[in-house]
Amino acid sequence: MTTVILVVMCVVVGALELYAGKQSRDQANAFRRRIDELNDQVTKQNNVLVTVGEQLTAELSRVKQDVLPALDNRLRQNTGQVEELAGLVHQADDYLRTQASRLHELEQQRITLAALRRKLGEVETSVRAVTRTGGEAVEGKVDAALGRLADLERGGEEILELQRALTRTLEDVEDVVAELLQFTEGELDDTVTAALTGRPRAHGDAVTATGRLWTRDDQLEDILCEMYERCVRASRLNVRFRTAEGPDGPDPGSPERRRYFLGGHASEDLAGVFSALLISAGADLPSNGLANGGGRRGLARVEPGVPSGVDPVRPPEDEAALQALLRTLSECTGAVAQIGPLMAVRTRDELLCAVLTAAQSLELESDEVFWDPAAASVRLRRLPSHQLWDLTGWATAP
């Protein structure tokens, strides 16, 4: 019996060993298959990395061969343009010095002619007092000489006035060239910085909005320009450069059309700012020219520390600058002012302000009504009520 038990136990142990061996072989086979799969994945990833490396190498080679030489050529071209503009500025400066010297010489000639005319007047008086016989012939010669001197003096004054006009024109050209040179240098520095650092270009100093200014009142033109540029600065904009010309080109005898190219904020961002300022400036006035009491009421700003319903000591800088510009416009018989989306029109009878969208600004510019207060007023009257402010009553209020 014991022998049978031992035999059975040996058979069981043998079966268990066979089962354990089979399990070990199965696990080893599964482990080898897993190792093979991982090797295949590593091989594929290695091939992908090799392909990406080859692509990056090819792209880097293309950049070195195409992009960098083109960038270098463009940099040299821009440098040449900057040097050319600098040369033009120096030439204009030399020409201004020459014209100033000539202007001084003409002043001296005019003084000399005036002194000579006074001397001949004294001679004429003495000749008429000494003799009356044959005085008619002598008097005629003296009068002819005096007339000739008067013509020379008038011609000298005309030349002097032309020289002054030319000097003013050259000074305006020099200012425009200097602003364009500054603008070009800024753009060039921005481009080079973006190319060297790989970061996108910064557009903070680029031209982001345009402006216009025109008035038919010559006496208020300088004051209006000062108030306009003050309002631009208060709106956190800066003038990149400006131009001035007549309706058919530069014409000293016609009102100047001033155009401004502004930077600092996009036109879309300025629309909400100007709307808030106009709402504050147009308090208690009807909207869109309505006189039936259905207009909107202005929303006054509340400064920190000021209780509600109490007026602040002074308005904010941007609101004060805008009000000063509108007050100056109200003194004109005809004027147009635009700062980005803001447009103010002064006719003989009314003062209108509007905040335009980009499409509306483009439409008005295509129809060329920016320089015509009457036509611009008619077009602004067609805008929706929430875009238009009639400030005629506000302008006439004390």
Foldseek 3Di string as FASTA:
>chain_A
DVVVVVVVVVVVVVVVVVVVVVVVVVVVVVVVVVVVVVVVVVVVVVVVVVVVVVVVVVVVVCCVVPVVVVVVVVLVVLVVVLVVLVVVLVVLVVVLVVLVVVLVVLVVVLVVLVVVLVVLVVVLVVVVVPDDVVVVVVVVVSVVVSVVSVVVNVVSVVVSVVSVVVSVVSVLVSQQSVLVSVLSVVVSVQVVVCVVVVNDGDQQFPQAFKKKKWAQDPVLPVVLVVLQVQLCVLLVKDFSGKDWDAPVGRDVVHIIIIMTGIGHDHLVVVLVVVLLLLLQLQAPHAFLPDDPSPRDGRDHDDDPPRDPPDDDPDDDSNSVSVVSSQLSLQVGQWMWIDIRQWIWTHHNQWIKIFRHDPVVVVVCVVVVCRHPRVVVVVVLSPDDRSGMGTCRVVNPDD
